[in-house]
Amino acid sequence: MAERNRLLVLGIDCAEYSMLREFWKDLPNFNSTFREPRPYSTTVPPITIPAWLTIFSGFNPGWFGLYDVKVREPGTYTSFRLFIS
């Protein structure tokens, strides 16, 4: 039987990198992954909804036109409503 390549995608949502480093010292597999500095980045804006859409689709938030879970009411700058699909 042919060997399969496997991929694990672990999403640690809303976690700041500096905070996670404190916990990784107790987790050897994660610690080895992040031992050397690498260029990690997120979406702009760094918000859950557009970030997950980008991860799974490969498109940036502008492609979806979805930047947050709130939508500005037309003609205003201060009135918002929740985004409903």
N, C-alpha and C. Protein backbone atom coordinates (compact mmCIF):
# COMPACT_ATOMS: atom_id res chain seq x y z
N MET A 1 0.84 -1.18 0.00
CA MET A 1 0.00 0.00 0.00
C MET A 1 0.89 1.25 0.00
N ALA A 2 0.54 2.22 -0.80
CA ALA A 2 1.35 3.45 -0.92
C ALA A 2 1.24 4.28 0.36
N GLU A 3 2.35 4.92 0.69
CA GLU A 3 2.36 5.79 1.86
C GLU A 3 1.62 7.08 1.55
N ARG A 4 0.81 7.53 2.47
CA ARG A 4 0.05 8.76 2.29
C ARG A 4 0.70 9.90 3.06
N ASN A 5 0.68 11.07 2.47
CA ASN A 5 1.10 12.26 3.19
C ASN A 5 -0.08 12.75 4.00
N ARG A 6 0.20 13.18 5.21
CA ARG A 6 -0.87 13.66 6.07
C ARG A 6 -0.60 15.08 6.49
N LEU A 7 -1.68 15.80 6.73
CA LEU A 7 -1.58 17.19 7.13
C LEU A 7 -2.56 17.44 8.26
N LEU A 8 -2.08 18.06 9.30
CA LEU A 8 -2.94 18.45 10.41
C LEU A 8 -3.00 19.97 10.44
N VAL A 9 -4.19 20.51 10.38
CA VAL A 9 -4.38 21.95 10.50
C VAL A 9 -4.94 22.19 11.89
N LEU A 10 -4.17 22.88 12.70
CA LEU A 10 -4.59 23.18 14.06
C LEU A 10 -4.84 24.68 14.14
N GLY A 11 -6.06 25.05 14.38
CA GLY A 11 -6.40 26.46 14.50
C GLY A 11 -6.50 26.86 15.95
N ILE A 12 -5.63 27.74 16.36
CA ILE A 12 -5.69 28.26 17.73
C ILE A 12 -6.22 29.68 17.59
N ASP A 13 -7.51 29.78 17.69
CA ASP A 13 -8.20 31.03 17.39
C ASP A 13 -8.07 32.03 18.54
N CYS A 14 -7.81 33.27 18.19
CA CYS A 14 -7.74 34.39 19.14
C CYS A 14 -6.63 34.22 20.17
N ALA A 15 -5.55 33.58 19.78
CA ALA A 15 -4.44 33.39 20.71
C ALA A 15 -3.24 34.21 20.25
N GLU A 16 -2.71 35.00 21.13
CA GLU A 16 -1.55 35.81 20.82
C GLU A 16 -0.29 34.95 20.90
N TYR A 17 0.61 35.12 19.93
CA TYR A 17 1.81 34.30 19.84
C TYR A 17 2.64 34.33 21.12
N SER A 18 2.85 35.50 21.70
CA SER A 18 3.67 35.60 22.92
C SER A 18 3.05 34.83 24.08
N MET A 19 1.74 34.78 24.15
CA MET A 19 1.08 34.03 25.20
C MET A 19 1.24 32.52 25.00
N LEU A 20 1.14 32.08 23.76
CA LEU A 20 1.25 30.65 23.46
C LEU A 20 2.65 30.12 23.73
N ARG A 21 3.67 30.93 23.49
CA ARG A 21 5.05 30.47 23.72
C ARG A 21 5.25 30.00 25.15
N GLU A 22 4.55 30.61 26.09
CA GLU A 22 4.66 30.20 27.49
C GLU A 22 4.19 28.77 27.70
N PHE A 23 3.16 28.36 26.98
CA PHE A 23 2.60 27.02 27.14
C PHE A 23 3.32 25.97 26.31
N TRP A 24 3.94 26.38 25.19
CA TRP A 24 4.59 25.43 24.30
C TRP A 24 5.79 24.75 24.93
N LYS A 25 6.40 25.37 25.92
CA LYS A 25 7.58 24.74 26.54
C LYS A 25 7.22 23.39 27.15
N ASP A 26 5.96 23.20 27.51
CA ASP A 26 5.50 21.94 28.08
C ASP A 26 4.98 20.95 27.03
N LEU A 27 4.97 21.38 25.78
CA LEU A 27 4.47 20.55 24.68
C LEU A 27 5.59 20.36 23.66
N PRO A 28 6.37 19.28 23.76
CA PRO A 28 7.58 19.14 22.95
C PRO A 28 7.36 19.22 21.43
N ASN A 29 6.28 18.68 20.93
CA ASN A 29 6.06 18.74 19.48
C ASN A 29 5.80 20.16 19.00
N PHE A 30 5.01 20.90 19.74
CA PHE A 30 4.78 22.29 19.38
C PHE A 30 6.03 23.13 19.58
N ASN A 31 6.74 22.85 20.64
CA ASN A 31 7.95 23.59 20.94
C ASN A 31 8.97 23.45 19.81
N SER A 32 9.13 22.24 19.26
CA SER A 32 10.08 22.06 18.16
C SER A 32 9.61 22.76 16.89
N THR A 33 8.34 22.86 16.70
CA THR A 33 7.80 23.54 15.52
C THR A 33 8.11 25.03 15.56
N PHE A 34 8.04 25.62 16.74
CA PHE A 34 8.20 27.07 16.86
C PHE A 34 9.53 27.49 17.48
N ARG A 35 10.49 26.58 17.53
CA ARG A 35 11.78 26.89 18.13
C ARG A 35 12.51 27.97 17.33
N GLU A 36 12.48 27.86 16.01
CA GLU A 36 13.14 28.84 15.17
C GLU A 36 12.11 29.86 14.69
N PRO A 37 12.47 31.15 14.70
CA PRO A 37 11.52 32.18 14.23
C PRO A 37 11.16 31.96 12.75
N ARG A 38 9.91 32.04 12.47
CA ARG A 38 9.41 31.92 11.10
C ARG A 38 8.42 33.04 10.86
N PRO A 39 8.22 33.39 9.61
CA PRO A 39 7.26 34.47 9.32
C PRO A 39 5.82 33.99 9.39
N TYR A 40 5.18 34.15 10.53
CA TYR A 40 3.77 33.82 10.67
C TYR A 40 2.97 35.08 10.46
N SER A 41 1.84 34.93 9.83
CA SER A 41 1.00 36.11 9.60
C SER A 41 -0.46 35.68 9.65
N THR A 42 -1.30 36.67 9.61
CA THR A 42 -2.73 36.42 9.63
C THR A 42 -3.38 37.28 8.55
N THR A 43 -4.67 37.28 8.52
CA THR A 43 -5.39 38.09 7.55
C THR A 43 -5.49 39.53 8.05
N VAL A 44 -5.85 40.41 7.14
CA VAL A 44 -6.15 41.79 7.51
C VAL A 44 -7.60 42.00 7.12
N PRO A 45 -8.44 42.20 8.11
CA PRO A 45 -8.21 42.34 9.54
C PRO A 45 -8.02 40.97 10.21
N PRO A 46 -7.32 40.94 11.35
CA PRO A 46 -7.08 39.67 12.04
C PRO A 46 -8.27 39.25 12.89
N ILE A 47 -9.34 38.88 12.23
CA ILE A 47 -10.60 38.54 12.88
C ILE A 47 -10.99 37.12 12.46
N THR A 48 -11.63 36.40 13.34
CA THR A 48 -11.96 34.99 13.15
C THR A 48 -12.62 34.68 11.81
N ILE A 49 -13.71 35.32 11.50
CA ILE A 49 -14.49 34.96 10.31
C ILE A 49 -13.66 35.07 9.03
N PRO A 50 -13.06 36.23 8.71
CA PRO A 50 -12.28 36.29 7.48
C PRO A 50 -11.04 35.39 7.51
N ALA A 51 -10.46 35.19 8.68
CA ALA A 51 -9.26 34.34 8.76
C ALA A 51 -9.58 32.90 8.38
N TRP A 52 -10.65 32.33 8.92
CA TRP A 52 -10.99 30.94 8.60
C TRP A 52 -11.42 30.80 7.14
N LEU A 53 -12.13 31.77 6.61
CA LEU A 53 -12.50 31.69 5.19
C LEU A 53 -11.25 31.69 4.32
N THR A 54 -10.26 32.49 4.68
CA THR A 54 -9.01 32.56 3.92
C THR A 54 -8.24 31.26 4.03
N ILE A 55 -8.17 30.67 5.21
CA ILE A 55 -7.45 29.42 5.39
C ILE A 55 -8.00 28.33 4.48
N PHE A 56 -9.29 28.19 4.44
CA PHE A 56 -9.89 27.08 3.72
C PHE A 56 -10.15 27.36 2.24
N SER A 57 -10.14 28.60 1.83
CA SER A 57 -10.41 28.90 0.42
C SER A 57 -9.17 29.37 -0.33
N GLY A 58 -8.24 30.02 0.38
CA GLY A 58 -7.08 30.60 -0.28
C GLY A 58 -7.34 32.00 -0.80
N PHE A 59 -8.55 32.49 -0.65
CA PHE A 59 -8.89 33.85 -1.07
C PHE A 59 -8.77 34.81 0.10
N ASN A 60 -8.44 36.06 -0.18
CA ASN A 60 -8.35 37.04 0.90
C ASN A 60 -9.74 37.58 1.24
N PRO A 61 -9.90 38.25 2.38
CA PRO A 61 -11.22 38.74 2.79
C PRO A 61 -11.89 39.66 1.78
N GLY A 62 -11.09 40.39 0.99
CA GLY A 62 -11.66 41.26 -0.02
C GLY A 62 -12.42 40.51 -1.09
N TRP A 63 -12.02 39.28 -1.38
CA TRP A 63 -12.71 38.49 -2.38
C TRP A 63 -14.13 38.18 -1.92
N PHE A 64 -14.28 37.91 -0.63
CA PHE A 64 -15.60 37.63 -0.07
C PHE A 64 -16.37 38.90 0.27
N GLY A 65 -15.63 39.99 0.52
CA GLY A 65 -16.27 41.23 0.98
C GLY A 65 -16.73 41.09 2.42
N LEU A 66 -16.10 40.20 3.16
CA LEU A 66 -16.49 39.94 4.54
C LEU A 66 -15.29 40.24 5.43
N TYR A 67 -15.38 41.31 6.19
CA TYR A 67 -14.27 41.75 7.02
C TYR A 67 -14.56 41.62 8.51
N ASP A 68 -15.78 41.36 8.87
CA ASP A 68 -16.16 41.30 10.27
C ASP A 68 -17.51 40.61 10.37
N VAL A 69 -17.98 40.39 11.58
CA VAL A 69 -19.31 39.82 11.76
C VAL A 69 -20.37 40.91 11.87
N LYS A 70 -19.90 42.16 11.80
CA LYS A 70 -20.83 43.28 11.82
C LYS A 70 -20.84 43.97 10.46
N VAL A 71 -21.97 44.49 10.09
CA VAL A 71 -22.11 45.22 8.83
C VAL A 71 -22.59 46.62 9.17
N ARG A 72 -21.95 47.61 8.58
CA ARG A 72 -22.36 48.99 8.82
C ARG A 72 -23.70 49.27 8.14
N GLU A 73 -24.57 49.92 8.86
CA GLU A 73 -25.86 50.30 8.28
C GLU A 73 -25.60 51.32 7.17
N PRO A 74 -26.28 51.17 6.04
CA PRO A 74 -26.07 52.09 4.92
C PRO A 74 -26.27 53.55 5.34
N GLY A 75 -25.32 54.38 4.92
CA GLY A 75 -25.42 55.83 5.18
C GLY A 75 -24.97 56.25 6.55
N THR A 76 -24.42 55.34 7.35
CA THR A 76 -23.97 55.71 8.69
C THR A 76 -22.53 55.24 8.93
N TYR A 77 -21.90 55.80 9.93
CA TYR A 77 -20.56 55.35 10.34
C TYR A 77 -20.58 54.72 11.73
N THR A 78 -21.67 54.87 12.44
CA THR A 78 -21.70 54.39 13.82
C THR A 78 -22.76 53.34 14.09
N SER A 79 -23.64 53.09 13.16
CA SER A 79 -24.71 52.12 13.37
C SER A 79 -24.36 50.81 12.68
N PHE A 80 -24.34 49.70 13.45
CA PHE A 80 -23.98 48.40 12.91
C PHE A 80 -25.08 47.39 13.17
N ARG A 81 -25.08 46.34 12.38
CA ARG A 81 -25.93 45.19 12.61
C ARG A 81 -25.08 43.95 12.39
N LEU A 82 -25.52 42.81 12.88
CA LEU A 82 -24.77 41.57 12.71
C LEU A 82 -24.91 41.07 11.28
N PHE A 83 -23.86 40.49 10.77
CA PHE A 83 -23.87 39.91 9.44
C PHE A 83 -24.68 38.62 9.48
N ILE A 84 -25.64 38.48 8.60
CA ILE A 84 -26.47 37.27 8.51
C ILE A 84 -26.42 36.80 7.07
N SER A 85 -26.02 35.55 6.87
CA SER A 85 -25.84 35.06 5.50
C SER A 85 -27.13 34.79 4.84
